[in-house]
Amino acid sequence: VDDVAARRDIVDELGIRVAFELNYPDEGHVGMQLHPADTGGSFLEMDQMTMKGGGEVGGPWWPAGKNWKPYVRTDRVSAITAATISSPDPSTLATRWAEITQTPFDLDDHNQPILEFDNARIRFVQENDGRGERLSGIDVRCGDIEAVLAAATTLGLQTRDTTVTLAGLDVTCVG
């Protein structure tokens, strides 16, 4: 986010507990993890990189350490483009997250609530497998979907269509 302090004011006004303060000003990183009992769905974390270049794509990201760039491999996966949160009441949950993030929610082509951000979206879908409210999936942008699926199969992971399931999380490969 561009201003964690302003977001903190909103969180406080809404009576949401902060589960963990991310306060590392010397490293150029401030933020907060919000208590999922107050937000619903999953952990909601808001971060701000305050050092030079921190707001740029590919810029510094303190949680990854100082020497992360040599380990970036975008030939297979280049970005997380979406998250899916399953809920017994997706519209109410989307309304809550929209209120917290100060982002209006809309409906996608399947009439599901979504929050659109600059570089990703959060989908809120009906929980229908008895596993409760949770982060149930992410979409990742892949340069070679077939190679990702082949590697997953080699590792013995469950795949279907363009999705790999990792520890109960559906990771969907998108072009």
N, C-alpha and C. Protein backbone atom coordinates (compact mmCIF):
# COMPACT_ATOMS: atom_id res chain seq x y z
N VAL A 1 0.85 -1.17 0.00
CA VAL A 1 0.00 0.00 0.00
C VAL A 1 0.89 1.23 0.00
N ASP A 2 0.31 2.35 -0.35
CA ASP A 2 1.12 3.56 -0.43
C ASP A 2 1.19 4.34 0.87
N ASP A 3 0.37 4.00 1.86
CA ASP A 3 0.39 4.73 3.13
C ASP A 3 -0.16 3.85 4.25
N VAL A 4 0.72 3.10 4.89
CA VAL A 4 0.30 2.19 5.95
C VAL A 4 -0.34 2.95 7.11
N ALA A 5 0.18 4.12 7.43
CA ALA A 5 -0.36 4.89 8.56
C ALA A 5 -1.83 5.23 8.34
N ALA A 6 -2.18 5.65 7.13
CA ALA A 6 -3.58 5.95 6.83
C ALA A 6 -4.43 4.69 6.91
N ARG A 7 -3.90 3.57 6.43
CA ARG A 7 -4.63 2.30 6.51
C ARG A 7 -4.80 1.87 7.96
N ARG A 8 -3.81 2.14 8.78
CA ARG A 8 -3.90 1.79 10.20
C ARG A 8 -5.04 2.57 10.87
N ASP A 9 -5.20 3.83 10.49
CA ASP A 9 -6.30 4.63 11.04
C ASP A 9 -7.65 3.99 10.72
N ILE A 10 -7.81 3.50 9.50
CA ILE A 10 -9.06 2.85 9.08
C ILE A 10 -9.27 1.57 9.88
N VAL A 11 -8.20 0.77 10.01
CA VAL A 11 -8.26 -0.48 10.76
C VAL A 11 -8.69 -0.21 12.20
N ASP A 12 -8.10 0.82 12.81
CA ASP A 12 -8.46 1.17 14.19
C ASP A 12 -9.91 1.62 14.28
N GLU A 13 -10.37 2.43 13.32
CA GLU A 13 -11.76 2.90 13.32
C GLU A 13 -12.74 1.73 13.21
N LEU A 14 -12.34 0.69 12.47
CA LEU A 14 -13.21 -0.47 12.28
C LEU A 14 -13.11 -1.46 13.44
N GLY A 15 -12.22 -1.21 14.38
CA GLY A 15 -12.08 -2.10 15.54
C GLY A 15 -11.41 -3.42 15.22
N ILE A 16 -10.55 -3.43 14.21
CA ILE A 16 -9.87 -4.66 13.80
C ILE A 16 -8.55 -4.77 14.56
N ARG A 17 -8.32 -5.94 15.14
CA ARG A 17 -7.07 -6.17 15.85
C ARG A 17 -5.93 -6.40 14.87
N VAL A 18 -4.77 -5.88 15.23
CA VAL A 18 -3.56 -6.14 14.46
C VAL A 18 -2.88 -7.34 15.11
N ALA A 19 -2.74 -8.42 14.35
CA ALA A 19 -2.13 -9.63 14.87
C ALA A 19 -0.61 -9.49 14.97
N PHE A 20 -0.03 -8.74 14.04
CA PHE A 20 1.42 -8.56 14.06
C PHE A 20 1.78 -7.25 13.38
N GLU A 21 2.56 -6.44 14.08
CA GLU A 21 3.08 -5.19 13.53
C GLU A 21 4.36 -5.49 12.76
N LEU A 22 4.44 -5.01 11.55
CA LEU A 22 5.66 -5.12 10.76
C LEU A 22 6.30 -3.73 10.79
N ASN A 23 7.20 -3.52 11.71
CA ASN A 23 7.75 -2.19 11.93
C ASN A 23 9.27 -2.27 11.85
N TYR A 24 9.79 -2.14 10.64
CA TYR A 24 11.22 -2.23 10.39
C TYR A 24 11.68 -1.00 9.61
N PRO A 25 11.59 0.19 10.22
CA PRO A 25 11.90 1.41 9.48
C PRO A 25 13.35 1.47 8.99
N ASP A 26 14.28 0.89 9.72
CA ASP A 26 15.68 0.91 9.28
C ASP A 26 15.88 0.09 8.01
N GLU A 27 15.02 -0.91 7.82
CA GLU A 27 15.09 -1.74 6.61
C GLU A 27 14.14 -1.24 5.53
N GLY A 28 13.34 -0.21 5.84
CA GLY A 28 12.43 0.36 4.85
C GLY A 28 11.16 -0.43 4.66
N HIS A 29 10.68 -1.09 5.73
CA HIS A 29 9.48 -1.92 5.61
C HIS A 29 8.58 -1.70 6.82
N VAL A 30 7.35 -1.27 6.57
CA VAL A 30 6.35 -1.15 7.62
C VAL A 30 5.07 -1.81 7.12
N GLY A 31 4.28 -2.31 8.05
CA GLY A 31 3.03 -2.94 7.66
C GLY A 31 2.34 -3.57 8.85
N MET A 32 1.30 -4.33 8.53
CA MET A 32 0.53 -4.98 9.60
C MET A 32 -0.19 -6.19 9.05
N GLN A 33 -0.27 -7.21 9.88
CA GLN A 33 -1.08 -8.38 9.60
C GLN A 33 -2.32 -8.27 10.48
N LEU A 34 -3.48 -8.35 9.86
CA LEU A 34 -4.73 -8.18 10.59
C LEU A 34 -5.27 -9.52 11.06
N HIS A 35 -5.93 -9.49 12.20
CA HIS A 35 -6.43 -10.73 12.81
C HIS A 35 -7.56 -11.30 11.95
N PRO A 36 -7.43 -12.56 11.50
CA PRO A 36 -8.45 -13.14 10.63
C PRO A 36 -9.82 -13.28 11.29
N ALA A 37 -9.87 -13.33 12.61
CA ALA A 37 -11.18 -13.39 13.27
C ALA A 37 -11.95 -12.08 13.08
N ASP A 38 -11.22 -10.99 12.84
CA ASP A 38 -11.86 -9.70 12.63
C ASP A 38 -12.08 -9.37 11.16
N THR A 39 -11.26 -9.96 10.29
CA THR A 39 -11.38 -9.67 8.86
C THR A 39 -12.20 -10.72 8.13
N GLY A 40 -12.13 -11.96 8.61
CA GLY A 40 -12.74 -13.08 7.90
C GLY A 40 -11.83 -13.54 6.78
N GLY A 41 -12.02 -14.77 6.37
CA GLY A 41 -11.36 -15.30 5.18
C GLY A 41 -9.96 -15.82 5.39
N SER A 42 -9.02 -14.95 5.68
CA SER A 42 -7.62 -15.31 5.74
C SER A 42 -6.87 -14.13 6.34
N PHE A 43 -5.57 -14.30 6.55
CA PHE A 43 -4.77 -13.16 6.96
C PHE A 43 -4.85 -12.09 5.88
N LEU A 44 -5.02 -10.87 6.30
CA LEU A 44 -4.95 -9.72 5.40
C LEU A 44 -3.77 -8.90 5.88
N GLU A 45 -2.79 -8.77 5.00
CA GLU A 45 -1.57 -8.04 5.35
C GLU A 45 -1.44 -6.84 4.43
N MET A 46 -1.09 -5.71 5.00
CA MET A 46 -0.82 -4.50 4.22
C MET A 46 0.59 -4.05 4.53
N ASP A 47 1.41 -3.90 3.48
CA ASP A 47 2.81 -3.54 3.62
C ASP A 47 3.12 -2.28 2.82
N GLN A 48 4.16 -1.60 3.27
CA GLN A 48 4.68 -0.45 2.53
C GLN A 48 6.20 -0.51 2.57
N MET A 49 6.80 -0.49 1.42
CA MET A 49 8.26 -0.41 1.33
C MET A 49 8.60 1.07 1.25
N THR A 50 9.32 1.57 2.25
CA THR A 50 9.55 3.01 2.34
C THR A 50 10.91 3.44 1.78
N MET A 51 11.76 2.50 1.42
CA MET A 51 13.07 2.89 0.89
C MET A 51 12.95 3.24 -0.60
N LYS A 52 13.98 3.87 -1.12
CA LYS A 52 14.01 4.28 -2.52
C LYS A 52 13.74 3.08 -3.43
N GLY A 53 12.80 3.23 -4.35
CA GLY A 53 12.46 2.17 -5.28
C GLY A 53 11.51 1.13 -4.72
N GLY A 54 11.10 1.28 -3.47
CA GLY A 54 10.26 0.28 -2.82
C GLY A 54 8.89 0.12 -3.43
N GLY A 55 8.38 1.14 -4.09
CA GLY A 55 7.06 1.05 -4.70
C GLY A 55 7.07 0.54 -6.12
N GLU A 56 8.24 0.23 -6.66
CA GLU A 56 8.35 -0.21 -8.05
C GLU A 56 8.28 -1.73 -8.15
N VAL A 57 7.68 -2.21 -9.23
CA VAL A 57 7.68 -3.66 -9.50
C VAL A 57 9.14 -4.08 -9.67
N GLY A 58 9.53 -5.11 -8.94
CA GLY A 58 10.91 -5.56 -8.98
C GLY A 58 11.83 -4.77 -8.07
N GLY A 59 11.25 -3.83 -7.33
CA GLY A 59 12.04 -3.03 -6.40
C GLY A 59 12.36 -3.80 -5.14
N PRO A 60 13.02 -3.15 -4.19
CA PRO A 60 13.40 -3.82 -2.95
C PRO A 60 12.19 -4.40 -2.21
N TRP A 61 12.38 -5.57 -1.64
CA TRP A 61 11.34 -6.21 -0.84
C TRP A 61 12.03 -6.83 0.36
N TRP A 62 12.05 -6.09 1.48
CA TRP A 62 12.81 -6.48 2.65
C TRP A 62 12.51 -7.90 3.13
N PRO A 63 11.27 -8.38 3.15
CA PRO A 63 11.04 -9.75 3.65
C PRO A 63 11.81 -10.82 2.87
N ALA A 64 12.21 -10.52 1.63
CA ALA A 64 12.97 -11.49 0.84
C ALA A 64 14.47 -11.39 1.09
N GLY A 65 14.89 -10.42 1.88
CA GLY A 65 16.32 -10.23 2.13
C GLY A 65 16.93 -9.27 1.12
N LYS A 66 18.23 -9.06 1.27
CA LYS A 66 18.91 -8.09 0.42
C LYS A 66 19.42 -8.68 -0.89
N ASN A 67 19.51 -9.99 -0.96
CA ASN A 67 20.14 -10.62 -2.12
C ASN A 67 19.20 -11.59 -2.82
N TRP A 68 17.96 -11.17 -3.06
CA TRP A 68 16.97 -12.08 -3.64
C TRP A 68 16.97 -12.08 -5.17
N LYS A 69 17.41 -10.99 -5.78
CA LYS A 69 17.28 -10.88 -7.24
C LYS A 69 18.00 -11.97 -8.03
N PRO A 70 19.18 -12.44 -7.61
CA PRO A 70 19.83 -13.50 -8.38
C PRO A 70 19.03 -14.81 -8.42
N TYR A 71 18.07 -14.95 -7.53
CA TYR A 71 17.31 -16.19 -7.43
C TYR A 71 15.96 -16.13 -8.13
N VAL A 72 15.65 -15.00 -8.73
CA VAL A 72 14.38 -14.85 -9.44
C VAL A 72 14.43 -15.65 -10.73
N ARG A 73 13.40 -16.46 -10.93
CA ARG A 73 13.28 -17.22 -12.17
C ARG A 73 11.88 -16.97 -12.72
N THR A 74 11.78 -16.18 -13.74
CA THR A 74 10.47 -15.86 -14.31
C THR A 74 10.20 -16.65 -15.59
N ASP A 75 11.07 -17.58 -15.94
CA ASP A 75 10.84 -18.37 -17.14
C ASP A 75 9.60 -19.25 -17.00
N ARG A 76 9.29 -19.66 -15.79
CA ARG A 76 8.10 -20.48 -15.57
C ARG A 76 6.97 -19.69 -14.94
N VAL A 77 7.25 -18.98 -13.85
CA VAL A 77 6.21 -18.21 -13.15
C VAL A 77 6.74 -16.79 -12.94
N SER A 78 5.93 -15.80 -13.34
CA SER A 78 6.40 -14.42 -13.24
C SER A 78 5.59 -13.56 -12.27
N ALA A 79 4.42 -14.02 -11.84
CA ALA A 79 3.62 -13.18 -10.93
C ALA A 79 2.47 -13.98 -10.34
N ILE A 80 2.04 -13.56 -9.17
CA ILE A 80 0.75 -14.00 -8.62
C ILE A 80 -0.26 -12.96 -9.08
N THR A 81 -1.27 -13.38 -9.82
CA THR A 81 -2.21 -12.41 -10.39
C THR A 81 -3.57 -12.39 -9.70
N ALA A 82 -3.86 -13.41 -8.90
CA ALA A 82 -5.16 -13.44 -8.22
C ALA A 82 -5.09 -14.36 -7.01
N ALA A 83 -5.97 -14.09 -6.07
CA ALA A 83 -6.18 -14.97 -4.92
C ALA A 83 -7.67 -15.27 -4.85
N THR A 84 -8.01 -16.47 -4.42
CA THR A 84 -9.40 -16.87 -4.26
C THR A 84 -9.64 -17.20 -2.80
N ILE A 85 -10.66 -16.58 -2.24
CA ILE A 85 -11.05 -16.86 -0.86
C ILE A 85 -12.43 -17.49 -0.89
N SER A 86 -12.54 -18.67 -0.30
CA SER A 86 -13.82 -19.38 -0.21
C SER A 86 -14.51 -18.99 1.08
N SER A 87 -15.82 -18.81 1.00
CA SER A 87 -16.58 -18.39 2.19
C SER A 87 -18.01 -18.87 2.07
N PRO A 88 -18.66 -19.17 3.20
CA PRO A 88 -20.09 -19.49 3.17
C PRO A 88 -20.92 -18.28 2.72
N ASP A 89 -20.35 -17.07 2.85
CA ASP A 89 -21.05 -15.85 2.46
C ASP A 89 -20.08 -14.90 1.76
N PRO A 90 -19.76 -15.20 0.48
CA PRO A 90 -18.73 -14.42 -0.21
C PRO A 90 -19.05 -12.93 -0.34
N SER A 91 -20.30 -12.57 -0.51
CA SER A 91 -20.64 -11.15 -0.66
C SER A 91 -20.37 -10.36 0.61
N THR A 92 -20.73 -10.94 1.76
CA THR A 92 -20.48 -10.26 3.03
C THR A 92 -18.98 -10.14 3.29
N LEU A 93 -18.23 -11.20 2.98
CA LEU A 93 -16.79 -11.15 3.17
C LEU A 93 -16.15 -10.13 2.24
N ALA A 94 -16.58 -10.09 0.99
CA ALA A 94 -16.05 -9.11 0.04
C ALA A 94 -16.35 -7.69 0.50
N THR A 95 -17.54 -7.48 1.04
CA THR A 95 -17.90 -6.16 1.55
C THR A 95 -16.97 -5.77 2.70
N ARG A 96 -16.66 -6.70 3.58
CA ARG A 96 -15.78 -6.43 4.71
C ARG A 96 -14.37 -6.09 4.23
N TRP A 97 -13.83 -6.88 3.31
CA TRP A 97 -12.49 -6.61 2.82
C TRP A 97 -12.44 -5.31 2.02
N ALA A 98 -13.50 -5.00 1.30
CA ALA A 98 -13.56 -3.72 0.57
C ALA A 98 -13.52 -2.56 1.55
N GLU A 99 -14.22 -2.70 2.65
CA GLU A 99 -14.24 -1.67 3.69
C GLU A 99 -12.84 -1.50 4.30
N ILE A 100 -12.19 -2.60 4.58
CA ILE A 100 -10.85 -2.55 5.20
C ILE A 100 -9.83 -1.96 4.24
N THR A 101 -9.85 -2.41 2.99
CA THR A 101 -8.84 -1.98 2.02
C THR A 101 -9.20 -0.68 1.32
N GLN A 102 -10.43 -0.20 1.56
CA GLN A 102 -10.91 1.01 0.88
C GLN A 102 -10.87 0.84 -0.63
N THR A 103 -11.29 -0.36 -1.07
CA THR A 103 -11.33 -0.72 -2.48
C THR A 103 -12.74 -1.18 -2.80
N PRO A 104 -13.42 -0.55 -3.74
CA PRO A 104 -14.78 -1.00 -4.05
C PRO A 104 -14.77 -2.40 -4.66
N PHE A 105 -15.77 -3.19 -4.29
CA PHE A 105 -15.83 -4.51 -4.93
C PHE A 105 -16.81 -4.47 -6.08
N ASP A 106 -16.56 -5.34 -7.03
CA ASP A 106 -17.37 -5.45 -8.24
C ASP A 106 -17.74 -6.92 -8.39
N LEU A 107 -18.41 -7.25 -9.46
CA LEU A 107 -18.74 -8.64 -9.78
C LEU A 107 -18.01 -9.04 -11.05
N ASP A 108 -17.48 -10.26 -11.06
CA ASP A 108 -16.80 -10.73 -12.26
C ASP A 108 -17.80 -11.32 -13.25
N ASP A 109 -17.31 -11.92 -14.31
CA ASP A 109 -18.17 -12.49 -15.36
C ASP A 109 -19.04 -13.63 -14.85
N HIS A 110 -18.69 -14.22 -13.71
CA HIS A 110 -19.46 -15.32 -13.12
C HIS A 110 -20.32 -14.84 -11.96
N ASN A 111 -20.46 -13.51 -11.85
CA ASN A 111 -21.28 -12.88 -10.81
C ASN A 111 -20.72 -13.11 -9.41
N GLN A 112 -19.41 -13.33 -9.33
CA GLN A 112 -18.72 -13.50 -8.05
C GLN A 112 -18.10 -12.16 -7.65
N PRO A 113 -18.13 -11.81 -6.36
CA PRO A 113 -17.51 -10.56 -5.92
C PRO A 113 -15.99 -10.62 -6.08
N ILE A 114 -15.42 -9.49 -6.53
CA ILE A 114 -13.97 -9.37 -6.67
C ILE A 114 -13.51 -8.00 -6.18
N LEU A 115 -12.29 -7.95 -5.73
CA LEU A 115 -11.61 -6.69 -5.46
C LEU A 115 -10.48 -6.59 -6.48
N GLU A 116 -10.44 -5.51 -7.22
CA GLU A 116 -9.40 -5.29 -8.23
C GLU A 116 -8.34 -4.35 -7.67
N PHE A 117 -7.09 -4.76 -7.77
CA PHE A 117 -5.96 -3.93 -7.38
C PHE A 117 -5.13 -3.63 -8.61
N ASP A 118 -4.07 -2.85 -8.47
CA ASP A 118 -3.25 -2.47 -9.63
C ASP A 118 -2.69 -3.67 -10.37
N ASN A 119 -2.27 -4.70 -9.64
CA ASN A 119 -1.57 -5.81 -10.29
C ASN A 119 -2.17 -7.18 -9.99
N ALA A 120 -3.31 -7.21 -9.33
CA ALA A 120 -3.91 -8.50 -8.97
C ALA A 120 -5.35 -8.29 -8.54
N ARG A 121 -6.03 -9.39 -8.32
CA ARG A 121 -7.42 -9.33 -7.84
C ARG A 121 -7.64 -10.39 -6.78
N ILE A 122 -8.65 -10.14 -5.95
CA ILE A 122 -9.08 -11.15 -4.98
C ILE A 122 -10.51 -11.52 -5.35
N ARG A 123 -10.72 -12.83 -5.54
CA ARG A 123 -12.06 -13.36 -5.82
C ARG A 123 -12.63 -13.96 -4.55
N PHE A 124 -13.91 -13.79 -4.35
CA PHE A 124 -14.61 -14.36 -3.20
C PHE A 124 -15.64 -15.33 -3.76
N VAL A 125 -15.50 -16.61 -3.42
CA VAL A 125 -16.36 -17.64 -3.99
C VAL A 125 -17.06 -18.42 -2.89
N GLN A 126 -18.12 -19.10 -3.29
CA GLN A 126 -18.90 -19.91 -2.36
C GLN A 126 -18.09 -21.10 -1.88
N GLU A 127 -17.97 -21.27 -0.58
CA GLU A 127 -17.31 -22.43 0.00
C GLU A 127 -18.27 -23.61 -0.17
N ASN A 128 -17.80 -24.67 -0.80
CA ASN A 128 -18.72 -25.78 -1.08
C ASN A 128 -18.11 -27.16 -0.81
N ASP A 129 -17.00 -27.19 -0.08
CA ASP A 129 -16.37 -28.49 0.15
C ASP A 129 -16.22 -28.83 1.63
N GLY A 130 -16.88 -28.05 2.50
CA GLY A 130 -16.86 -28.34 3.93
C GLY A 130 -15.56 -27.97 4.64
N ARG A 131 -14.67 -27.27 3.96
CA ARG A 131 -13.38 -26.94 4.57
C ARG A 131 -13.36 -25.54 5.18
N GLY A 132 -14.47 -24.84 5.13
CA GLY A 132 -14.57 -23.55 5.80
C GLY A 132 -14.00 -22.39 5.03
N GLU A 133 -14.07 -21.23 5.67
CA GLU A 133 -13.60 -19.99 5.07
C GLU A 133 -12.08 -20.00 5.06
N ARG A 134 -11.49 -19.69 3.89
CA ARG A 134 -10.03 -19.82 3.76
C ARG A 134 -9.54 -19.29 2.42
N LEU A 135 -8.23 -19.11 2.35
CA LEU A 135 -7.57 -18.90 1.07
C LEU A 135 -7.58 -20.25 0.37
N SER A 136 -8.27 -20.34 -0.75
CA SER A 136 -8.42 -21.64 -1.41
C SER A 136 -7.65 -21.74 -2.71
N GLY A 137 -7.17 -20.61 -3.23
CA GLY A 137 -6.43 -20.69 -4.48
C GLY A 137 -5.70 -19.41 -4.82
N ILE A 138 -4.74 -19.55 -5.72
CA ILE A 138 -4.06 -18.41 -6.32
C ILE A 138 -3.91 -18.68 -7.81
N ASP A 139 -3.81 -17.63 -8.58
CA ASP A 139 -3.48 -17.73 -10.00
C ASP A 139 -2.05 -17.23 -10.16
N VAL A 140 -1.26 -17.93 -10.95
CA VAL A 140 0.10 -17.50 -11.25
C VAL A 140 0.27 -17.37 -12.76
N ARG A 141 0.94 -16.30 -13.18
CA ARG A 141 1.21 -16.08 -14.60
C ARG A 141 2.40 -16.96 -14.99
N CYS A 142 2.18 -17.81 -15.98
CA CYS A 142 3.20 -18.76 -16.40
C CYS A 142 3.62 -18.50 -17.84
N GLY A 143 4.93 -18.58 -18.07
CA GLY A 143 5.44 -18.47 -19.42
C GLY A 143 5.30 -19.78 -20.18
N ASP A 144 5.28 -20.89 -19.47
CA ASP A 144 5.17 -22.21 -20.09
C ASP A 144 4.32 -23.10 -19.18
N ILE A 145 3.03 -23.03 -19.37
CA ILE A 145 2.09 -23.76 -18.52
C ILE A 145 2.35 -25.26 -18.58
N GLU A 146 2.59 -25.78 -19.78
CA GLU A 146 2.82 -27.22 -19.92
C GLU A 146 4.04 -27.68 -19.13
N ALA A 147 5.10 -26.88 -19.12
CA ALA A 147 6.30 -27.24 -18.36
C ALA A 147 6.02 -27.24 -16.86
N VAL A 148 5.23 -26.29 -16.40
CA VAL A 148 4.87 -26.24 -14.98
C VAL A 148 4.07 -27.47 -14.60
N LEU A 149 3.09 -27.81 -15.42
CA LEU A 149 2.25 -28.98 -15.14
C LEU A 149 3.06 -30.28 -15.21
N ALA A 150 3.98 -30.37 -16.16
CA ALA A 150 4.82 -31.56 -16.27
C ALA A 150 5.72 -31.70 -15.04
N ALA A 151 6.28 -30.59 -14.58
CA ALA A 151 7.12 -30.64 -13.38
C ALA A 151 6.30 -31.05 -12.16
N ALA A 152 5.09 -30.54 -12.06
CA ALA A 152 4.21 -30.91 -10.94
C ALA A 152 3.89 -32.40 -10.97
N THR A 153 3.61 -32.91 -12.15
CA THR A 153 3.31 -34.34 -12.29
C THR A 153 4.53 -35.18 -11.90
N THR A 154 5.71 -34.76 -12.34
CA THR A 154 6.94 -35.46 -11.99
C THR A 154 7.14 -35.51 -10.47
N LEU A 155 6.72 -34.46 -9.79
CA LEU A 155 6.85 -34.40 -8.33
C LEU A 155 5.72 -35.13 -7.61
N GLY A 156 4.79 -35.71 -8.38
CA GLY A 156 3.69 -36.45 -7.78
C GLY A 156 2.56 -35.58 -7.25
N LEU A 157 2.49 -34.34 -7.70
CA LEU A 157 1.43 -33.45 -7.25
C LEU A 157 0.16 -33.67 -8.05
N GLN A 158 -0.96 -33.40 -7.43
CA GLN A 158 -2.26 -33.54 -8.09
C GLN A 158 -2.44 -32.38 -9.07
N THR A 159 -2.81 -32.71 -10.31
CA THR A 159 -3.09 -31.68 -11.32
C THR A 159 -4.43 -31.97 -11.98
N ARG A 160 -5.08 -30.91 -12.43
CA ARG A 160 -6.27 -31.04 -13.26
C ARG A 160 -6.35 -29.79 -14.12
N ASP A 161 -6.62 -29.97 -15.37
CA ASP A 161 -6.63 -28.85 -16.33
C ASP A 161 -5.33 -28.06 -16.17
N THR A 162 -5.41 -26.79 -15.77
CA THR A 162 -4.21 -25.97 -15.60
C THR A 162 -3.94 -25.66 -14.12
N THR A 163 -4.42 -26.53 -13.23
CA THR A 163 -4.30 -26.29 -11.80
C THR A 163 -3.47 -27.38 -11.13
N VAL A 164 -2.59 -26.95 -10.23
CA VAL A 164 -1.80 -27.84 -9.39
C VAL A 164 -2.28 -27.62 -7.96
N THR A 165 -2.51 -28.70 -7.22
CA THR A 165 -2.92 -28.57 -5.82
C THR A 165 -1.72 -28.83 -4.92
N LEU A 166 -1.42 -27.82 -4.09
CA LEU A 166 -0.30 -27.89 -3.15
C LEU A 166 -0.84 -27.71 -1.75
N ALA A 167 -0.78 -28.74 -0.93
CA ALA A 167 -1.22 -28.66 0.46
C ALA A 167 -2.63 -28.08 0.57
N GLY A 168 -3.50 -28.48 -0.34
CA GLY A 168 -4.89 -28.03 -0.30
C GLY A 168 -5.15 -26.71 -0.99
N LEU A 169 -4.12 -26.04 -1.49
CA LEU A 169 -4.26 -24.77 -2.19
C LEU A 169 -4.22 -25.02 -3.68
N ASP A 170 -5.23 -24.56 -4.40
CA ASP A 170 -5.25 -24.69 -5.86
C ASP A 170 -4.44 -23.56 -6.48
N VAL A 171 -3.38 -23.93 -7.20
CA VAL A 171 -2.53 -22.97 -7.90
C VAL A 171 -2.84 -23.11 -9.39
N THR A 172 -3.52 -22.12 -9.94
CA THR A 172 -3.95 -22.17 -11.33
C THR A 172 -2.98 -21.39 -12.20
N CYS A 173 -2.49 -22.05 -13.23
CA CYS A 173 -1.55 -21.44 -14.17
C CYS A 173 -2.34 -20.68 -15.23
N VAL A 174 -2.00 -19.42 -15.41
CA VAL A 174 -2.64 -18.59 -16.43
C VAL A 174 -1.57 -18.03 -17.34
N GLY A 175 -1.95 -17.78 -18.60
CA GLY A 175 -0.99 -17.26 -19.58
C GLY A 175 -0.81 -15.78 -19.53
